[in-house]
Amino acid sequence: MLFSDFDTGGDMWTGKGAREARIAVLFSENFKNKPSVTVALEMFDMDNRTNQRAETVAENITKTGFDIVFKTWGDTKIARARAAWMAIGGVDADDNWDEMY
């Protein structure tokens, strides 16, 4: 869950203009290099009386984690949102062979 602002009267539900929610994600094990990360909006609950605007991106990607950033703007009212993510890249493993060159 990225946020649930309806119950708490949070900024995504009551605010206007540019707003964002940022969640730090730590990988369960480190990647060898910066992985490729995809983020998808998995669930959202928006007020139907306002324009529905949203952007979900991955930022600050490193070998150890990244930030999921959810953005909205204007008069959009968002009660709650949930995102899913996938990171793809190489990891160290006991059966990896060391390069001999």
N, C-alpha and C. Protein backbone atom coordinates (compact mmCIF):
# COMPACT_ATOMS: atom_id res chain seq x y z
N MET A 1 0.85 -1.17 0.00
CA MET A 1 0.00 0.00 0.00
C MET A 1 0.90 1.24 0.00
N LEU A 2 0.67 2.12 -0.95
CA LEU A 2 1.44 3.37 -0.99
C LEU A 2 0.91 4.37 0.04
N PHE A 3 -0.41 4.47 0.10
CA PHE A 3 -1.04 5.36 1.08
C PHE A 3 -2.53 5.04 1.15
N SER A 4 -3.15 5.48 2.24
CA SER A 4 -4.59 5.40 2.43
C SER A 4 -5.01 6.70 3.09
N ASP A 5 -5.24 7.72 2.28
CA ASP A 5 -5.48 9.08 2.80
C ASP A 5 -6.94 9.38 3.08
N PHE A 6 -7.87 8.57 2.61
CA PHE A 6 -9.29 8.82 2.86
C PHE A 6 -9.59 8.74 4.35
N ASP A 7 -9.10 7.69 5.01
CA ASP A 7 -9.37 7.47 6.43
C ASP A 7 -8.72 8.52 7.33
N THR A 8 -7.57 9.04 6.90
CA THR A 8 -6.81 9.95 7.75
C THR A 8 -6.95 11.42 7.34
N GLY A 9 -7.67 11.69 6.25
CA GLY A 9 -7.79 13.07 5.77
C GLY A 9 -6.49 13.58 5.21
N GLY A 10 -5.67 12.66 4.67
CA GLY A 10 -4.36 13.02 4.14
C GLY A 10 -4.40 13.88 2.89
N ASP A 11 -3.24 14.35 2.49
CA ASP A 11 -3.09 15.32 1.41
C ASP A 11 -3.57 14.80 0.05
N MET A 12 -3.41 13.51 -0.22
CA MET A 12 -3.86 12.98 -1.51
C MET A 12 -5.38 13.07 -1.65
N TRP A 13 -6.08 13.02 -0.52
CA TRP A 13 -7.55 13.09 -0.53
C TRP A 13 -8.05 14.52 -0.39
N THR A 14 -7.41 15.32 0.43
CA THR A 14 -7.91 16.66 0.73
C THR A 14 -7.16 17.77 0.01
N GLY A 15 -5.96 17.50 -0.48
CA GLY A 15 -5.13 18.55 -1.07
C GLY A 15 -5.46 18.84 -2.53
N LYS A 16 -4.79 19.86 -3.05
CA LYS A 16 -4.90 20.24 -4.47
C LYS A 16 -3.51 20.59 -4.96
N GLY A 17 -3.36 20.57 -6.28
CA GLY A 17 -2.06 20.89 -6.86
C GLY A 17 -1.15 19.68 -6.86
N ALA A 18 0.14 19.93 -7.10
CA ALA A 18 1.12 18.84 -7.18
C ALA A 18 1.32 18.18 -5.82
N ARG A 19 1.20 16.85 -5.79
CA ARG A 19 1.40 16.06 -4.57
C ARG A 19 2.10 14.77 -4.92
N GLU A 20 2.86 14.23 -3.97
CA GLU A 20 3.50 12.95 -4.22
C GLU A 20 3.63 12.15 -2.94
N ALA A 21 3.63 10.84 -3.11
CA ALA A 21 3.91 9.90 -2.02
C ALA A 21 5.14 9.13 -2.44
N ARG A 22 6.09 8.96 -1.52
CA ARG A 22 7.36 8.28 -1.82
C ARG A 22 7.58 7.18 -0.79
N ILE A 23 7.82 5.97 -1.29
CA ILE A 23 8.03 4.80 -0.43
C ILE A 23 9.38 4.19 -0.78
N ALA A 24 10.24 4.00 0.20
CA ALA A 24 11.54 3.36 -0.01
C ALA A 24 11.37 1.84 -0.01
N VAL A 25 11.98 1.17 -0.99
CA VAL A 25 11.96 -0.28 -1.09
C VAL A 25 13.40 -0.78 -0.99
N LEU A 26 13.65 -1.73 -0.09
CA LEU A 26 14.96 -2.37 0.01
C LEU A 26 14.84 -3.78 -0.52
N PHE A 27 15.77 -4.17 -1.40
CA PHE A 27 15.76 -5.53 -1.94
C PHE A 27 16.14 -6.53 -0.86
N SER A 28 15.64 -7.74 -0.95
CA SER A 28 15.96 -8.77 0.04
C SER A 28 17.42 -9.22 -0.09
N GLU A 29 17.99 -9.07 -1.29
CA GLU A 29 19.43 -9.25 -1.45
C GLU A 29 19.91 -8.26 -2.51
N ASN A 30 21.16 -7.85 -2.39
CA ASN A 30 21.69 -6.83 -3.30
C ASN A 30 21.93 -7.40 -4.69
N PHE A 31 21.76 -6.55 -5.69
CA PHE A 31 22.09 -6.90 -7.06
C PHE A 31 23.57 -6.61 -7.30
N LYS A 32 24.16 -7.25 -8.33
CA LYS A 32 25.56 -6.99 -8.68
C LYS A 32 25.72 -5.58 -9.25
N ASN A 33 24.74 -5.16 -10.04
CA ASN A 33 24.71 -3.83 -10.65
C ASN A 33 23.31 -3.27 -10.48
N LYS A 34 23.14 -2.03 -10.85
CA LYS A 34 21.81 -1.42 -10.77
C LYS A 34 20.83 -2.22 -11.63
N PRO A 35 19.74 -2.73 -11.06
CA PRO A 35 18.79 -3.53 -11.84
C PRO A 35 17.84 -2.65 -12.65
N SER A 36 17.12 -3.29 -13.52
CA SER A 36 16.02 -2.64 -14.24
C SER A 36 14.77 -2.82 -13.37
N VAL A 37 14.09 -1.73 -13.06
CA VAL A 37 12.93 -1.78 -12.17
C VAL A 37 11.68 -1.29 -12.90
N THR A 38 10.61 -2.06 -12.78
CA THR A 38 9.32 -1.68 -13.33
C THR A 38 8.33 -1.53 -12.18
N VAL A 39 7.55 -0.46 -12.21
CA VAL A 39 6.53 -0.21 -11.19
C VAL A 39 5.17 -0.09 -11.89
N ALA A 40 4.16 -0.72 -11.32
CA ALA A 40 2.81 -0.65 -11.89
C ALA A 40 1.82 -0.29 -10.80
N LEU A 41 0.87 0.54 -11.16
CA LEU A 41 -0.21 0.86 -10.25
C LEU A 41 -1.14 -0.35 -10.18
N GLU A 42 -1.22 -0.97 -9.01
CA GLU A 42 -1.96 -2.21 -8.85
C GLU A 42 -3.41 -1.98 -8.43
N MET A 43 -3.65 -0.94 -7.66
CA MET A 43 -5.00 -0.61 -7.21
C MET A 43 -5.07 0.88 -6.92
N PHE A 44 -6.18 1.49 -7.26
CA PHE A 44 -6.40 2.89 -6.89
C PHE A 44 -7.88 3.11 -6.62
N ASP A 45 -8.15 4.05 -5.76
CA ASP A 45 -9.52 4.42 -5.40
C ASP A 45 -9.59 5.94 -5.48
N MET A 46 -10.24 6.45 -6.57
CA MET A 46 -10.27 7.89 -6.82
C MET A 46 -11.70 8.40 -6.78
N ASP A 47 -11.85 9.66 -6.40
CA ASP A 47 -13.15 10.34 -6.42
C ASP A 47 -13.59 10.50 -7.87
N ASN A 48 -14.82 10.12 -8.18
CA ASN A 48 -15.30 10.22 -9.57
C ASN A 48 -15.79 11.62 -9.94
N ARG A 49 -15.76 12.56 -9.00
CA ARG A 49 -16.22 13.92 -9.29
C ARG A 49 -15.08 14.83 -9.73
N THR A 50 -13.85 14.32 -9.72
CA THR A 50 -12.69 15.11 -10.14
C THR A 50 -11.93 14.36 -11.23
N ASN A 51 -11.05 15.06 -11.91
CA ASN A 51 -10.23 14.42 -12.94
C ASN A 51 -9.32 13.38 -12.31
N GLN A 52 -9.11 12.28 -13.02
CA GLN A 52 -8.27 11.20 -12.52
C GLN A 52 -6.90 11.29 -13.16
N ARG A 53 -5.92 11.75 -12.36
CA ARG A 53 -4.55 11.94 -12.84
C ARG A 53 -3.61 11.22 -11.89
N ALA A 54 -2.70 10.42 -12.45
CA ALA A 54 -1.73 9.72 -11.60
C ALA A 54 -0.53 9.30 -12.42
N GLU A 55 0.61 9.27 -11.77
CA GLU A 55 1.84 8.77 -12.37
C GLU A 55 2.57 7.98 -11.29
N THR A 56 3.06 6.79 -11.64
CA THR A 56 3.81 5.96 -10.71
C THR A 56 5.14 5.60 -11.37
N VAL A 57 6.26 5.94 -10.70
CA VAL A 57 7.58 5.71 -11.27
C VAL A 57 8.54 5.16 -10.22
N ALA A 58 9.64 4.58 -10.70
CA ALA A 58 10.74 4.16 -9.84
C ALA A 58 11.84 5.22 -9.95
N GLU A 59 12.34 5.68 -8.81
CA GLU A 59 13.41 6.68 -8.78
C GLU A 59 14.51 6.22 -7.83
N ASN A 60 15.68 6.81 -7.97
CA ASN A 60 16.82 6.54 -7.08
C ASN A 60 17.17 5.06 -7.02
N ILE A 61 17.21 4.41 -8.18
CA ILE A 61 17.48 2.97 -8.24
C ILE A 61 18.97 2.72 -7.98
N THR A 62 19.24 1.81 -7.04
CA THR A 62 20.60 1.38 -6.73
C THR A 62 20.64 -0.14 -6.65
N LYS A 63 21.81 -0.69 -6.35
CA LYS A 63 21.94 -2.14 -6.18
C LYS A 63 21.18 -2.64 -4.96
N THR A 64 20.85 -1.75 -4.02
CA THR A 64 20.22 -2.16 -2.76
C THR A 64 18.74 -1.83 -2.65
N GLY A 65 18.22 -0.97 -3.53
CA GLY A 65 16.81 -0.61 -3.44
C GLY A 65 16.45 0.54 -4.35
N PHE A 66 15.26 1.10 -4.15
CA PHE A 66 14.76 2.21 -4.96
C PHE A 66 13.58 2.86 -4.25
N ASP A 67 13.08 3.95 -4.80
CA ASP A 67 11.89 4.63 -4.30
C ASP A 67 10.74 4.44 -5.28
N ILE A 68 9.58 4.05 -4.78
CA ILE A 68 8.35 4.11 -5.57
C ILE A 68 7.77 5.51 -5.35
N VAL A 69 7.51 6.22 -6.44
CA VAL A 69 6.98 7.58 -6.33
C VAL A 69 5.64 7.63 -7.06
N PHE A 70 4.60 8.02 -6.31
CA PHE A 70 3.26 8.18 -6.86
C PHE A 70 2.98 9.68 -6.89
N LYS A 71 2.58 10.20 -8.05
CA LYS A 71 2.34 11.63 -8.20
C LYS A 71 0.93 11.89 -8.72
N THR A 72 0.35 12.99 -8.27
CA THR A 72 -0.91 13.46 -8.82
C THR A 72 -0.87 14.99 -8.81
N TRP A 73 -1.86 15.63 -9.42
CA TRP A 73 -1.87 17.08 -9.51
C TRP A 73 -3.29 17.57 -9.76
N GLY A 74 -3.45 18.89 -9.76
CA GLY A 74 -4.76 19.50 -10.01
C GLY A 74 -5.75 19.21 -8.90
N ASP A 75 -7.00 18.97 -9.28
CA ASP A 75 -8.07 18.74 -8.29
C ASP A 75 -8.30 17.26 -7.98
N THR A 76 -7.44 16.38 -8.49
CA THR A 76 -7.61 14.94 -8.29
C THR A 76 -7.64 14.59 -6.81
N LYS A 77 -8.59 13.72 -6.45
CA LYS A 77 -8.71 13.24 -5.07
C LYS A 77 -8.52 11.73 -5.08
N ILE A 78 -7.49 11.26 -4.37
CA ILE A 78 -7.19 9.83 -4.34
C ILE A 78 -7.29 9.33 -2.91
N ALA A 79 -8.17 8.38 -2.70
CA ALA A 79 -8.38 7.83 -1.36
C ALA A 79 -7.25 6.89 -0.96
N ARG A 80 -6.86 6.01 -1.88
CA ARG A 80 -5.79 5.04 -1.58
C ARG A 80 -5.21 4.53 -2.88
N ALA A 81 -3.98 4.03 -2.78
CA ALA A 81 -3.31 3.45 -3.95
C ALA A 81 -2.33 2.38 -3.50
N ARG A 82 -2.16 1.39 -4.36
CA ARG A 82 -1.21 0.31 -4.11
C ARG A 82 -0.43 0.07 -5.39
N ALA A 83 0.85 -0.24 -5.25
CA ALA A 83 1.71 -0.49 -6.41
C ALA A 83 2.38 -1.84 -6.29
N ALA A 84 2.73 -2.41 -7.44
CA ALA A 84 3.53 -3.63 -7.52
C ALA A 84 4.81 -3.28 -8.27
N TRP A 85 5.86 -4.04 -8.02
CA TRP A 85 7.13 -3.77 -8.70
C TRP A 85 7.87 -5.07 -9.01
N MET A 86 8.79 -4.95 -9.97
CA MET A 86 9.65 -6.08 -10.33
C MET A 86 11.03 -5.51 -10.66
N ALA A 87 12.06 -6.13 -10.10
CA ALA A 87 13.45 -5.74 -10.38
C ALA A 87 14.15 -6.92 -11.05
N ILE A 88 14.86 -6.63 -12.15
CA ILE A 88 15.56 -7.68 -12.89
C ILE A 88 17.02 -7.29 -13.02
N GLY A 89 17.90 -8.21 -12.64
CA GLY A 89 19.33 -7.98 -12.77
C GLY A 89 20.09 -9.14 -12.17
N GLY A 90 21.41 -9.12 -12.35
CA GLY A 90 22.26 -10.19 -11.84
C GLY A 90 22.48 -10.09 -10.34
N VAL A 91 22.58 -11.25 -9.70
CA VAL A 91 22.89 -11.31 -8.27
C VAL A 91 24.05 -12.29 -8.07
N ASP A 92 24.76 -12.14 -6.97
CA ASP A 92 25.81 -13.09 -6.63
C ASP A 92 25.19 -14.38 -6.15
N ALA A 93 25.82 -15.51 -6.53
CA ALA A 93 25.35 -16.81 -6.09
C ALA A 93 26.55 -17.70 -5.83
N ASP A 94 26.40 -18.67 -4.95
CA ASP A 94 27.50 -19.57 -4.60
C ASP A 94 28.04 -20.33 -5.81
N ASP A 95 27.18 -20.62 -6.79
CA ASP A 95 27.63 -21.39 -7.94
C ASP A 95 28.14 -20.54 -9.10
N ASN A 96 28.27 -19.21 -8.93
CA ASN A 96 28.86 -18.37 -9.96
C ASN A 96 30.34 -18.65 -10.07
N TRP A 97 30.84 -18.71 -11.29
CA TRP A 97 32.27 -18.91 -11.51
C TRP A 97 32.96 -17.58 -11.59
N ASP A 98 34.10 -17.46 -10.96
CA ASP A 98 34.89 -16.24 -11.10
C ASP A 98 35.50 -16.19 -12.48
N GLU A 99 35.57 -15.00 -13.04
CA GLU A 99 36.22 -14.86 -14.34
C GLU A 99 37.71 -15.12 -14.20
N MET A 100 38.29 -15.82 -15.14
CA MET A 100 39.69 -16.19 -15.07
C MET A 100 40.56 -15.27 -15.93
N TYR A 101 40.01 -14.24 -16.52
CA TYR A 101 40.79 -13.38 -17.41
C TYR A 101 41.15 -12.10 -16.72
